[in-house]
N, C-alpha and C. Protein backbone atom coordinates (compact mmCIF):
# COMPACT_ATOMS: atom_id res chain seq x y z
N LEU A 1 -250.62 -17.01 1.90
CA LEU A 1 -251.31 -17.15 0.80
C LEU A 1 -252.59 -16.11 0.39
N GLY A 2 -253.21 -15.89 1.54
CA GLY A 2 -254.26 -15.13 1.39
C GLY A 2 -253.73 -13.49 1.10
N CYS A 3 -252.59 -13.03 1.74
CA CYS A 3 -252.17 -11.80 1.59
C CYS A 3 -251.80 -11.53 0.02
N CYS A 4 -251.13 -12.69 -0.44
CA CYS A 4 -250.64 -12.50 -1.74
C CYS A 4 -251.78 -12.45 -2.93
N GLN A 5 -252.77 -13.04 -2.53
CA GLN A 5 -254.18 -12.86 -3.44
C GLN A 5 -254.66 -11.68 -3.24
N LEU A 6 -254.60 -10.99 -2.04
CA LEU A 6 -255.09 -9.50 -2.07
C LEU A 6 -254.17 -8.50 -2.60
N PHE A 7 -252.85 -8.69 -2.49
CA PHE A 7 -251.86 -7.97 -3.24
C PHE A 7 -252.05 -8.08 -4.77
N ARG A 8 -252.41 -9.14 -5.32
CA ARG A 8 -252.57 -9.48 -6.71
C ARG A 8 -253.83 -8.78 -7.35
N VAL A 9 -254.79 -8.55 -6.30
CA VAL A 9 -256.23 -8.08 -6.83
C VAL A 9 -255.84 -6.57 -6.82
N TRP A 10 -255.21 -6.11 -5.87
CA TRP A 10 -255.07 -4.69 -5.78
C TRP A 10 -253.78 -3.87 -6.61
N SER A 11 -253.09 -4.87 -7.24
CA SER A 11 -251.88 -4.26 -7.97
C SER A 11 -252.20 -4.07 -9.40
N PHE A 12 -253.30 -4.75 -10.15
CA PHE A 12 -253.55 -4.54 -11.49
C PHE A 12 -254.80 -3.73 -11.82
N VAL A 13 -254.72 -2.91 -12.83
CA VAL A 13 -255.69 -2.12 -13.28
C VAL A 13 -256.85 -3.02 -14.11
N PRO A 14 -258.03 -2.90 -13.92
CA PRO A 14 -259.08 -3.71 -14.59
C PRO A 14 -258.96 -3.28 -16.07
N GLY A 15 -259.45 -4.26 -16.88
CA GLY A 15 -259.57 -3.89 -18.42
C GLY A 15 -260.56 -2.96 -18.77
N PRO A 16 -260.46 -2.71 -20.14
CA PRO A 16 -261.44 -1.50 -20.46
C PRO A 16 -263.05 -1.96 -20.33
N GLN A 17 -263.23 -3.31 -20.50
CA GLN A 17 -264.51 -3.90 -20.46
C GLN A 17 -265.18 -3.66 -19.02
N ALA A 18 -264.26 -3.57 -18.05
CA ALA A 18 -264.71 -3.40 -16.64
C ALA A 18 -264.88 -1.97 -16.12
N LEU A 19 -264.64 -0.95 -17.05
CA LEU A 19 -264.91 0.37 -16.67
C LEU A 19 -266.34 0.83 -16.73
N PRO A 20 -266.56 1.86 -15.69
CA PRO A 20 -268.10 2.27 -15.67
C PRO A 20 -268.28 3.00 -16.82
N ALA A 21 -269.70 3.28 -17.31
CA ALA A 21 -270.14 4.10 -18.27
C ALA A 21 -269.74 5.50 -17.97
N PRO A 22 -269.24 6.19 -19.17
CA PRO A 22 -268.92 7.57 -18.84
C PRO A 22 -270.10 8.45 -18.65
N LEU A 23 -269.76 9.45 -17.68
CA LEU A 23 -270.95 10.42 -17.25
C LEU A 23 -271.27 11.23 -18.48
N SER A 24 -272.58 11.72 -18.60
CA SER A 24 -273.10 12.74 -19.40
C SER A 24 -272.52 13.98 -19.25
N GLU A 25 -272.31 14.29 -17.99
CA GLU A 25 -271.89 15.67 -17.82
C GLU A 25 -270.32 15.95 -17.88
N ALA A 26 -269.63 15.41 -19.00
CA ALA A 26 -268.38 15.66 -18.98
C ALA A 26 -267.90 17.03 -19.58
N HIS A 27 -268.85 17.78 -19.96
CA HIS A 27 -268.58 19.21 -20.41
C HIS A 27 -268.91 20.31 -19.35
N HIS A 28 -268.96 19.82 -18.08
CA HIS A 28 -269.68 20.55 -16.89
C HIS A 28 -268.38 21.51 -16.40
N PHE A 29 -268.56 22.73 -16.35
CA PHE A 29 -267.41 23.37 -15.74
C PHE A 29 -267.30 23.56 -14.46
N SER A 30 -266.30 23.25 -13.73
CA SER A 30 -266.15 23.15 -12.39
C SER A 30 -264.92 24.17 -11.85
N PRO A 31 -265.51 25.30 -10.93
CA PRO A 31 -264.74 26.18 -10.44
C PRO A 31 -263.36 25.62 -9.57
N ALA A 32 -263.69 24.72 -8.97
CA ALA A 32 -262.67 24.04 -8.09
C ALA A 32 -261.61 23.56 -8.99
N VAL A 33 -261.80 23.02 -10.08
CA VAL A 33 -260.96 22.18 -10.98
C VAL A 33 -260.04 23.62 -11.57
N ALA A 34 -260.90 24.42 -12.02
CA ALA A 34 -260.06 25.55 -12.51
C ALA A 34 -259.18 26.20 -11.57
N ALA A 35 -259.58 26.54 -10.25
CA ALA A 35 -258.76 27.11 -9.35
C ALA A 35 -257.56 26.17 -9.09
N SER A 36 -257.84 24.85 -8.85
CA SER A 36 -256.54 23.90 -8.79
C SER A 36 -255.55 24.06 -9.82
N ALA A 37 -256.08 24.21 -11.06
CA ALA A 37 -255.20 24.30 -12.32
C ALA A 37 -254.33 25.51 -12.13
N ALA A 38 -254.94 26.54 -11.65
CA ALA A 38 -254.32 27.89 -11.64
C ALA A 38 -253.21 28.06 -10.52
N MET A 39 -253.28 27.11 -9.56
CA MET A 39 -252.59 27.25 -8.41
C MET A 39 -251.09 27.23 -8.77
N PRO A 40 -250.61 26.30 -9.50
CA PRO A 40 -249.03 26.33 -9.95
C PRO A 40 -248.58 27.77 -10.49
N ALA A 41 -249.47 28.43 -11.12
CA ALA A 41 -249.05 29.40 -11.92
C ALA A 41 -248.84 30.72 -10.65
N LEU A 42 -249.55 30.66 -9.69
CA LEU A 42 -249.55 31.57 -8.66
C LEU A 42 -248.21 31.30 -7.73
N THR A 43 -247.70 30.09 -7.76
CA THR A 43 -246.34 30.03 -7.17
C THR A 43 -245.10 30.88 -7.82
N MET A 44 -245.27 31.22 -9.12
CA MET A 44 -244.23 31.97 -9.45
C MET A 44 -244.21 33.27 -9.01
N LEU A 45 -245.42 33.80 -8.25
CA LEU A 45 -245.18 35.16 -7.82
C LEU A 45 -244.38 35.31 -6.56
N ALA A 46 -244.35 34.01 -5.89
CA ALA A 46 -243.69 34.18 -4.49
C ALA A 46 -242.19 34.02 -4.60
N GLU A 47 -241.70 34.59 -3.48
CA GLU A 47 -240.15 34.76 -3.39
C GLU A 47 -239.52 33.37 -3.10
N ASP A 48 -238.46 33.10 -3.54
CA ASP A 48 -237.75 31.70 -3.14
C ASP A 48 -237.53 31.72 -1.49
N ALA A 49 -237.92 30.35 -1.07
CA ALA A 49 -237.64 30.10 0.37
C ALA A 49 -236.43 29.83 0.68
N GLU A 50 -235.34 30.61 0.79
CA GLU A 50 -234.06 30.32 1.14
C GLU A 50 -233.63 31.43 2.25
N ALA A 51 -232.78 30.72 2.88
CA ALA A 51 -232.10 31.61 3.98
C ALA A 51 -231.04 32.53 3.33
N LYS A 52 -231.11 33.96 3.71
CA LYS A 52 -230.02 34.87 3.24
C LYS A 52 -228.92 34.50 3.96
N TYR A 53 -227.84 35.17 3.56
CA TYR A 53 -226.46 35.05 4.27
C TYR A 53 -226.38 35.40 5.66
N GLY A 54 -227.00 36.57 5.90
CA GLY A 54 -226.90 37.13 7.29
C GLY A 54 -227.82 36.25 8.21
N ASP A 55 -228.80 35.79 7.67
CA ASP A 55 -229.71 34.76 8.59
C ASP A 55 -228.99 33.47 9.07
N TYR A 56 -228.12 32.92 8.00
CA TYR A 56 -227.35 31.75 8.30
C TYR A 56 -226.44 32.05 9.35
N ARG A 57 -225.79 33.16 9.32
CA ARG A 57 -224.73 33.48 10.44
C ARG A 57 -225.47 33.68 11.71
N ARG A 58 -226.56 34.37 11.72
CA ARG A 58 -227.24 34.70 13.00
C ARG A 58 -227.68 33.16 13.64
N TRP A 59 -228.42 32.30 12.89
CA TRP A 59 -228.82 31.14 13.33
C TRP A 59 -227.71 30.04 13.65
N SER A 60 -226.58 30.07 12.96
CA SER A 60 -225.71 29.19 13.22
C SER A 60 -224.98 29.65 14.64
N SER A 61 -224.74 30.83 14.90
CA SER A 61 -224.05 31.28 15.92
C SER A 61 -224.93 30.76 17.34
N VAL A 62 -226.27 30.43 17.12
CA VAL A 62 -227.17 30.12 18.29
C VAL A 62 -227.24 28.56 18.30
N LEU A 63 -227.70 28.19 17.18
CA LEU A 63 -227.94 26.63 17.13
C LEU A 63 -226.68 25.74 17.38
N VAL A 64 -225.60 26.12 16.79
CA VAL A 64 -224.39 25.17 16.96
C VAL A 64 -224.04 25.14 18.40
N PRO A 65 -223.85 26.00 19.20
CA PRO A 65 -223.51 25.79 20.50
C PRO A 65 -224.61 25.18 21.34
N LEU A 66 -226.01 25.63 21.07
CA LEU A 66 -227.00 24.89 21.71
C LEU A 66 -227.23 23.38 21.39
N SER A 67 -226.85 22.85 20.33
CA SER A 67 -226.96 21.64 19.76
C SER A 67 -225.83 20.80 20.14
N THR A 68 -224.66 21.50 20.35
CA THR A 68 -223.41 20.70 20.51
C THR A 68 -222.99 20.78 22.08
N LEU A 69 -223.35 21.77 22.81
CA LEU A 69 -222.94 22.03 24.39
C LEU A 69 -224.19 21.76 25.36
N VAL A 70 -225.26 22.53 24.97
CA VAL A 70 -226.25 22.72 25.82
C VAL A 70 -227.13 21.46 25.97
N PHE A 71 -227.71 20.95 24.78
CA PHE A 71 -228.50 19.67 24.80
C PHE A 71 -227.85 18.56 25.28
N PRO A 72 -226.71 18.27 24.76
CA PRO A 72 -225.94 17.19 25.32
C PRO A 72 -225.75 17.16 26.99
N ALA A 73 -225.56 18.29 27.56
CA ALA A 73 -225.11 18.46 28.90
C ALA A 73 -226.26 18.18 29.55
N VAL A 74 -227.61 18.75 29.03
CA VAL A 74 -228.77 18.57 30.02
C VAL A 74 -229.28 17.19 29.82
N GLY A 75 -229.11 16.47 28.55
CA GLY A 75 -229.24 15.09 28.37
C GLY A 75 -228.62 14.17 29.35
N PHE A 76 -227.24 14.40 29.38
CA PHE A 76 -226.34 13.50 30.02
C PHE A 76 -226.52 13.78 31.70
N GLY A 77 -226.76 14.88 31.87
CA GLY A 77 -227.08 15.25 33.32
C GLY A 77 -228.28 14.71 33.86
N ALA A 78 -229.25 14.68 33.10
CA ALA A 78 -230.59 14.17 33.51
C ALA A 78 -230.52 12.64 33.49
N PHE A 79 -229.73 12.03 32.69
CA PHE A 79 -229.44 10.42 32.81
C PHE A 79 -228.58 10.26 33.89
N THR A 80 -227.69 11.08 34.20
CA THR A 80 -226.63 10.72 35.26
C THR A 80 -227.64 10.90 36.81
N LEU A 81 -228.36 11.73 36.85
CA LEU A 81 -229.36 11.83 38.00
C LEU A 81 -230.16 10.61 38.04
N TYR A 82 -230.80 10.24 36.81
CA TYR A 82 -231.61 9.00 36.79
C TYR A 82 -230.87 7.81 37.28
N LEU A 83 -229.74 7.74 36.95
CA LEU A 83 -228.74 6.53 37.12
C LEU A 83 -228.74 6.50 38.56
N PHE A 84 -228.46 7.31 39.34
CA PHE A 84 -228.25 7.40 40.75
C PHE A 84 -229.57 7.39 41.60
N SER A 85 -230.61 7.55 40.82
CA SER A 85 -231.96 7.63 41.77
C SER A 85 -232.29 6.09 42.05
N GLU A 86 -233.34 6.07 42.99
CA GLU A 86 -233.71 4.82 43.49
C GLU A 86 -234.52 4.04 42.25
N ASP A 87 -235.01 4.65 41.38
CA ASP A 87 -235.92 4.05 40.37
C ASP A 87 -235.10 3.38 39.08
N PHE A 88 -233.90 3.46 39.13
CA PHE A 88 -233.01 3.15 37.98
C PHE A 88 -233.14 1.56 37.64
N ALA A 89 -232.59 0.81 38.63
CA ALA A 89 -232.85 -0.51 38.65
C ALA A 89 -233.84 -1.26 39.24
N PHE A 90 -235.01 -0.59 39.42
CA PHE A 90 -235.85 -1.23 40.18
C PHE A 90 -236.53 -2.44 39.36
N GLN A 91 -236.84 -3.45 40.21
CA GLN A 91 -237.34 -4.66 39.47
C GLN A 91 -238.80 -5.00 40.21
């Protein structure tokens, strides 16, 4: 019941009469705010982050055999060695 009351308190926005008084420095220029507003415009200058066709063929020729043959063989081999060790079913 206490958790539900806390959830109720945190879930709703207070009414306008509970808001603090506005600050008098509302027209103060902030360089940090101006820089953060300009950041989305700077992303238009960057090149798209996508793999080119040649990169895809190069990486797939390495990662497919590595992920389907080498990693499972090492994993199953390590498990087999652990299975036949003295520490496997130690109580």
